[in-house]
Amino acid sequence: MEVQELFLLALAISLDAFGVILCIGINKGITLKSSMIFVFSFGFFQFFLSFLGGYIGTIFNKYIV
């Protein structure tokens, strides 16, 4: 998997998480600051962990094939 493909996959997963947490964040009991923290933290961690997992998988692929 190339870096560009990995980046696009991680971006798509982070946007999916962004949409989910955005729906949670629009509840009336949550402040704007809290909802923005939820939105960006979920999106960032979904992107970062997906990208990291794909990169590590690419490294392991070289050794097991």
PDB file of N, CA and C in Angstrom:
ATOM      1  N   MET A   1       0.853  -1.175   0.000  1.00  0.00           N
ATOM      2  CA  MET A   1       0.000   0.000   0.000  1.00  0.00           C
ATOM      3  C   MET A   1       0.897   1.236   0.000  1.00  0.00           C
ATOM      4  N   GLU A   2       0.666   2.078  -0.944  1.00  0.00           N
ATOM      5  CA  GLU A   2       1.435   3.312  -1.055  1.00  0.00           C
ATOM      6  C   GLU A   2       1.007   4.313   0.012  1.00  0.00           C
ATOM      7  N   VAL A   3       1.858   5.298   0.246  1.00  0.00           N
ATOM      8  CA  VAL A   3       1.576   6.307   1.268  1.00  0.00           C
ATOM      9  C   VAL A   3       0.339   7.121   0.891  1.00  0.00           C
ATOM     10  N   GLN A   4       0.155   7.394  -0.401  1.00  0.00           N
ATOM     11  CA  GLN A   4      -1.009   8.165  -0.826  1.00  0.00           C
ATOM     12  C   GLN A   4      -2.307   7.406  -0.541  1.00  0.00           C
ATOM     13  N   GLU A   5      -2.320   6.100  -0.819  1.00  0.00           N
ATOM     14  CA  GLU A   5      -3.501   5.284  -0.541  1.00  0.00           C
ATOM     15  C   GLU A   5      -3.772   5.213   0.951  1.00  0.00           C
ATOM     16  N   LEU A   6      -2.717   5.069   1.709  1.00  0.00           N
ATOM     17  CA  LEU A   6      -2.838   5.009   3.157  1.00  0.00           C
ATOM     18  C   LEU A   6      -3.374   6.319   3.713  1.00  0.00           C
ATOM     19  N   PHE A   7      -2.907   7.427   3.176  1.00  0.00           N
ATOM     20  CA  PHE A   7      -3.383   8.739   3.606  1.00  0.00           C
ATOM     21  C   PHE A   7      -4.870   8.905   3.304  1.00  0.00           C
ATOM     22  N   LEU A   8      -5.295   8.513   2.109  1.00  0.00           N
ATOM     23  CA  LEU A   8      -6.710   8.644   1.741  1.00  0.00           C
ATOM     24  C   LEU A   8      -7.602   7.743   2.587  1.00  0.00           C
ATOM     25  N   LEU A   9      -7.142   6.537   2.885  1.00  0.00           N
ATOM     26  CA  LEU A   9      -7.912   5.633   3.736  1.00  0.00           C
ATOM     27  C   LEU A   9      -8.042   6.190   5.146  1.00  0.00           C
ATOM     28  N   ALA A  10      -6.949   6.679   5.691  1.00  0.00           N
ATOM     29  CA  ALA A  10      -6.981   7.264   7.033  1.00  0.00           C
ATOM     30  C   ALA A  10      -7.857   8.512   7.062  1.00  0.00           C
ATOM     31  N   LEU A  11      -7.822   9.306   6.014  1.00  0.00           N
ATOM     32  CA  LEU A  11      -8.666  10.496   5.936  1.00  0.00           C
ATOM     33  C   LEU A  11     -10.149  10.123   5.889  1.00  0.00           C
ATOM     34  N   ALA A  12     -10.484   9.092   5.121  1.00  0.00           N
ATOM     35  CA  ALA A  12     -11.879   8.657   5.031  1.00  0.00           C
ATOM     36  C   ALA A  12     -12.386   8.150   6.376  1.00  0.00           C
ATOM     37  N   ILE A  13     -11.583   7.399   7.086  1.00  0.00           N
ATOM     38  CA  ILE A  13     -11.996   6.893   8.394  1.00  0.00           C
ATOM     39  C   ILE A  13     -12.124   8.033   9.394  1.00  0.00           C
ATOM     40  N   SER A  14     -11.220   8.988   9.327  1.00  0.00           N
ATOM     41  CA  SER A  14     -11.311  10.111  10.266  1.00  0.00           C
ATOM     42  C   SER A  14     -12.541  10.970   9.976  1.00  0.00           C
ATOM     43  N   LEU A  15     -12.919  11.121   8.708  1.00  0.00           N
ATOM     44  CA  LEU A  15     -14.131  11.880   8.380  1.00  0.00           C
ATOM     45  C   LEU A  15     -15.384  11.138   8.837  1.00  0.00           C
ATOM     46  N   ASP A  16     -15.357   9.819   8.791  1.00  0.00           N
ATOM     47  CA  ASP A  16     -16.475   9.035   9.310  1.00  0.00           C
ATOM     48  C   ASP A  16     -16.620   9.258  10.813  1.00  0.00           C
ATOM     49  N   ALA A  17     -15.525   9.206  11.530  1.00  0.00           N
ATOM     50  CA  ALA A  17     -15.564   9.453  12.976  1.00  0.00           C
ATOM     51  C   ALA A  17     -15.966  10.894  13.264  1.00  0.00           C
ATOM     52  N   PHE A  18     -15.545  11.811  12.421  1.00  0.00           N
ATOM     53  CA  PHE A  18     -15.917  13.217  12.580  1.00  0.00           C
ATOM     54  C   PHE A  18     -17.433  13.381  12.500  1.00  0.00           C
ATOM     55  N   GLY A  19     -18.062  12.707  11.558  1.00  0.00           N
ATOM     56  CA  GLY A  19     -19.512  12.788  11.424  1.00  0.00           C
ATOM     57  C   GLY A  19     -20.244  12.204  12.619  1.00  0.00           C
ATOM     58  N   VAL A  20     -19.759  11.089  13.120  1.00  0.00           N
ATOM     59  CA  VAL A  20     -20.394  10.461  14.284  1.00  0.00           C
ATOM     60  C   VAL A  20     -20.290  11.355  15.499  1.00  0.00           C
ATOM     61  N   ILE A  21     -19.115  11.853  15.778  1.00  0.00           N
ATOM     62  CA  ILE A  21     -18.931  12.661  16.981  1.00  0.00           C
ATOM     63  C   ILE A  21     -19.581  14.030  16.821  1.00  0.00           C
ATOM     64  N   LEU A  22     -19.733  14.498  15.594  1.00  0.00           N
ATOM     65  CA  LEU A  22     -20.447  15.753  15.374  1.00  0.00           C
ATOM     66  C   LEU A  22     -21.911  15.609  15.781  1.00  0.00           C
ATOM     67  N   CYS A  23     -22.494  14.464  15.465  1.00  0.00           N
ATOM     68  CA  CYS A  23     -23.879  14.209  15.894  1.00  0.00           C
ATOM     69  C   CYS A  23     -23.983  14.141  17.410  1.00  0.00           C
ATOM     70  N   ILE A  24     -23.009  13.572  18.062  1.00  0.00           N
ATOM     71  CA  ILE A  24     -23.003  13.535  19.528  1.00  0.00           C
ATOM     72  C   ILE A  24     -22.796  14.941  20.077  1.00  0.00           C
ATOM     73  N   GLY A  25     -21.959  15.700  19.419  1.00  0.00           N
ATOM     74  CA  GLY A  25     -21.609  17.025  19.909  1.00  0.00           C
ATOM     75  C   GLY A  25     -22.697  18.073  19.803  1.00  0.00           C
ATOM     76  N   ILE A  26     -23.742  17.832  19.004  1.00  0.00           N
ATOM     77  CA  ILE A  26     -24.793  18.842  18.872  1.00  0.00           C
ATOM     78  C   ILE A  26     -25.889  18.694  19.923  1.00  0.00           C
ATOM     79  N   ASN A  27     -25.686  17.820  20.896  1.00  0.00           N
ATOM     80  CA  ASN A  27     -26.646  17.717  22.002  1.00  0.00           C
ATOM     81  C   ASN A  27     -26.700  19.033  22.754  1.00  0.00           C
ATOM     82  N   LYS A  28     -27.859  19.345  23.296  1.00  0.00           N
ATOM     83  CA  LYS A  28     -28.035  20.624  23.979  1.00  0.00           C
ATOM     84  C   LYS A  28     -27.288  20.698  25.302  1.00  0.00           C
ATOM     85  N   GLY A  29     -27.006  19.565  25.926  1.00  0.00           N
ATOM     86  CA  GLY A  29     -26.340  19.578  27.223  1.00  0.00           C
ATOM     87  C   GLY A  29     -24.834  19.761  27.149  1.00  0.00           C
ATOM     88  N   ILE A  30     -24.280  19.781  25.957  1.00  0.00           N
ATOM     89  CA  ILE A  30     -22.830  19.877  25.782  1.00  0.00           C
ATOM     90  C   ILE A  30     -22.481  21.277  25.289  1.00  0.00           C
ATOM     91  N   THR A  31     -21.443  21.860  25.882  1.00  0.00           N
ATOM     92  CA  THR A  31     -21.022  23.202  25.474  1.00  0.00           C
ATOM     93  C   THR A  31     -20.292  23.137  24.132  1.00  0.00           C
ATOM     94  N   LEU A  32     -20.161  24.276  23.503  1.00  0.00           N
ATOM     95  CA  LEU A  32     -19.475  24.346  22.209  1.00  0.00           C
ATOM     96  C   LEU A  32     -18.019  23.922  22.340  1.00  0.00           C
ATOM     97  N   LYS A  33     -17.376  24.343  23.400  1.00  0.00           N
ATOM     98  CA  LYS A  33     -15.971  23.987  23.606  1.00  0.00           C
ATOM     99  C   LYS A  33     -15.814  22.476  23.751  1.00  0.00           C
ATOM    100  N   SER A  34     -16.681  21.851  24.531  1.00  0.00           N
ATOM    101  CA  SER A  34     -16.609  20.400  24.718  1.00  0.00           C
ATOM    102  C   SER A  34     -16.878  19.654  23.419  1.00  0.00           C
ATOM    103  N   SER A  35     -17.844  20.116  22.654  1.00  0.00           N
ATOM    104  CA  SER A  35     -18.152  19.434  21.402  1.00  0.00           C
ATOM    105  C   SER A  35     -17.003  19.553  20.409  1.00  0.00           C
ATOM    106  N   MET A  36     -16.340  20.694  20.356  1.00  0.00           N
ATOM    107  CA  MET A  36     -15.193  20.847  19.456  1.00  0.00           C
ATOM    108  C   MET A  36     -14.023  19.972  19.896  1.00  0.00           C
ATOM    109  N   ILE A  37     -13.832  19.840  21.189  1.00  0.00           N
ATOM    110  CA  ILE A  37     -12.782  18.952  21.692  1.00  0.00           C
ATOM    111  C   ILE A  37     -13.084  17.514  21.289  1.00  0.00           C
ATOM    112  N   PHE A  38     -14.345  17.087  21.440  1.00  0.00           N
ATOM    113  CA  PHE A  38     -14.740  15.740  21.027  1.00  0.00           C
ATOM    114  C   PHE A  38     -14.501  15.532  19.538  1.00  0.00           C
ATOM    115  N   VAL A  39     -14.956  16.468  18.741  1.00  0.00           N
ATOM    116  CA  VAL A  39     -14.874  16.333  17.287  1.00  0.00           C
ATOM    117  C   VAL A  39     -13.434  16.201  16.821  1.00  0.00           C
ATOM    118  N   PHE A  40     -12.581  17.113  17.229  1.00  0.00           N
ATOM    119  CA  PHE A  40     -11.210  17.094  16.725  1.00  0.00           C
ATOM    120  C   PHE A  40     -10.371  15.975  17.332  1.00  0.00           C
ATOM    121  N   SER A  41     -10.641  15.593  18.574  1.00  0.00           N
ATOM    122  CA  SER A  41      -9.875  14.494  19.159  1.00  0.00           C
ATOM    123  C   SER A  41     -10.240  13.169  18.495  1.00  0.00           C
ATOM    124  N   PHE A  42     -11.522  12.914  18.263  1.00  0.00           N
ATOM    125  CA  PHE A  42     -11.905  11.676  17.593  1.00  0.00           C
ATOM    126  C   PHE A  42     -11.364  11.642  16.174  1.00  0.00           C
ATOM    127  N   GLY A  43     -11.513  12.723  15.438  1.00  0.00           N
ATOM    128  CA  GLY A  43     -11.008  12.766  14.066  1.00  0.00           C
ATOM    129  C   GLY A  43      -9.506  12.583  13.995  1.00  0.00           C
ATOM    130  N   PHE A  44      -8.784  13.248  14.891  1.00  0.00           N
ATOM    131  CA  PHE A  44      -7.327  13.139  14.889  1.00  0.00           C
ATOM    132  C   PHE A  44      -6.880  11.721  15.206  1.00  0.00           C
ATOM    133  N   PHE A  45      -7.442  11.129  16.255  1.00  0.00           N
ATOM    134  CA  PHE A  45      -6.992   9.798  16.644  1.00  0.00           C
ATOM    135  C   PHE A  45      -7.397   8.735  15.635  1.00  0.00           C
ATOM    136  N   GLN A  46      -8.555   8.874  14.999  1.00  0.00           N
ATOM    137  CA  GLN A  46      -8.922   7.939  13.943  1.00  0.00           C
ATOM    138  C   GLN A  46      -7.944   8.046  12.775  1.00  0.00           C
ATOM    139  N   PHE A  47      -7.580   9.260  12.400  1.00  0.00           N
ATOM    140  CA  PHE A  47      -6.628   9.445  11.308  1.00  0.00           C
ATOM    141  C   PHE A  47      -5.255   8.911  11.688  1.00  0.00           C
ATOM    142  N   PHE A  48      -4.760   9.322  12.860  1.00  0.00           N
ATOM    143  CA  PHE A  48      -3.401   8.968  13.259  1.00  0.00           C
ATOM    144  C   PHE A  48      -3.235   7.462  13.434  1.00  0.00           C
ATOM    145  N   LEU A  49      -4.163   6.822  14.122  1.00  0.00           N
ATOM    146  CA  LEU A  49      -4.028   5.390  14.368  1.00  0.00           C
ATOM    147  C   LEU A  49      -4.220   4.576  13.096  1.00  0.00           C
ATOM    148  N   SER A  50      -5.085   5.006  12.195  1.00  0.00           N
ATOM    149  CA  SER A  50      -5.239   4.316  10.909  1.00  0.00           C
ATOM    150  C   SER A  50      -3.975   4.445  10.074  1.00  0.00           C
ATOM    151  N   PHE A  51      -3.424   5.639  10.032  1.00  0.00           N
ATOM    152  CA  PHE A  51      -2.194   5.864   9.273  1.00  0.00           C
ATOM    153  C   PHE A  51      -1.040   5.068   9.870  1.00  0.00           C
ATOM    154  N   LEU A  52      -0.923   5.081  11.191  1.00  0.00           N
ATOM    155  CA  LEU A  52       0.147   4.349  11.867  1.00  0.00           C
ATOM    156  C   LEU A  52       0.010   2.848  11.647  1.00  0.00           C
ATOM    157  N   GLY A  53      -1.208   2.319  11.759  1.00  0.00           N
ATOM    158  CA  GLY A  53      -1.429   0.890  11.543  1.00  0.00           C
ATOM    159  C   GLY A  53      -1.108   0.461  10.126  1.00  0.00           C
ATOM    160  N   GLY A  54      -1.497   1.251   9.160  1.00  0.00           N
ATOM    161  CA  GLY A  54      -1.182   0.931   7.773  1.00  0.00           C
ATOM    162  C   GLY A  54       0.303   0.993   7.487  1.00  0.00           C
ATOM    163  N   TYR A  55       0.975   1.960   8.065  1.00  0.00           N
ATOM    164  CA  TYR A  55       2.421   2.088   7.857  1.00  0.00           C
ATOM    165  C   TYR A  55       3.164   0.919   8.493  1.00  0.00           C
ATOM    166  N   ILE A  56       2.788   0.559   9.705  1.00  0.00           N
ATOM    167  CA  ILE A  56       3.428  -0.577  10.373  1.00  0.00           C
ATOM    168  C   ILE A  56       3.123  -1.870   9.618  1.00  0.00           C
ATOM    169  N   GLY A  57       1.894  -2.000   9.100  1.00  0.00           N
ATOM    170  CA  GLY A  57       1.549  -3.168   8.292  1.00  0.00           C
ATOM    171  C   GLY A  57       2.392  -3.261   7.035  1.00  0.00           C
ATOM    172  N   THR A  58       2.692  -2.134   6.425  1.00  0.00           N
ATOM    173  CA  THR A  58       3.551  -2.113   5.240  1.00  0.00           C
ATOM    174  C   THR A  58       4.963  -2.563   5.587  1.00  0.00           C
ATOM    175  N   ILE A  59       5.455  -2.149   6.738  1.00  0.00           N
ATOM    176  CA  ILE A  59       6.794  -2.561   7.173  1.00  0.00           C
ATOM    177  C   ILE A  59       6.825  -4.064   7.426  1.00  0.00           C
ATOM    178  N   PHE A  60       5.810  -4.602   8.125  1.00  0.00           N
ATOM    179  CA  PHE A  60       5.763  -6.035   8.398  1.00  0.00           C
ATOM    180  C   PHE A  60       5.581  -6.847   7.126  1.00  0.00           C
ATOM    181  N   ASN A  61       4.906  -6.285   6.149  1.00  0.00           N
ATOM    182  CA  ASN A  61       4.682  -6.984   4.891  1.00  0.00           C
ATOM    183  C   ASN A  61       6.002  -7.296   4.190  1.00  0.00           C
ATOM    184  N   LYS A  62       6.982  -6.436   4.332  1.00  0.00           N
ATOM    185  CA  LYS A  62       8.285  -6.669   3.712  1.00  0.00           C
ATOM    186  C   LYS A  62       8.981  -7.879   4.319  1.00  0.00           C
ATOM    187  N   TYR A  63       8.746  -8.145   5.590  1.00  0.00           N
ATOM    188  CA  TYR A  63       9.446  -9.221   6.279  1.00  0.00           C
ATOM    189  C   TYR A  63       8.724 -10.563   6.196  1.00  0.00           C
ATOM    190  N   ILE A  64       7.416 -10.574   6.017  1.00  0.00           N
ATOM    191  CA  ILE A  64       6.700 -11.847   6.017  1.00  0.00           C
ATOM    192  C   ILE A  64       6.407 -12.378   4.617  1.00  0.00           C
ATOM    193  N   VAL A  65       6.644 -11.576   3.594  1.00  0.00           N
ATOM    194  CA  VAL A  65       6.380 -12.048   2.230  1.00  0.00           C
ATOM    195  C   VAL A  65       7.627 -12.642   1.644  1.00  0.00           C
TER     196      VAL A  65
END
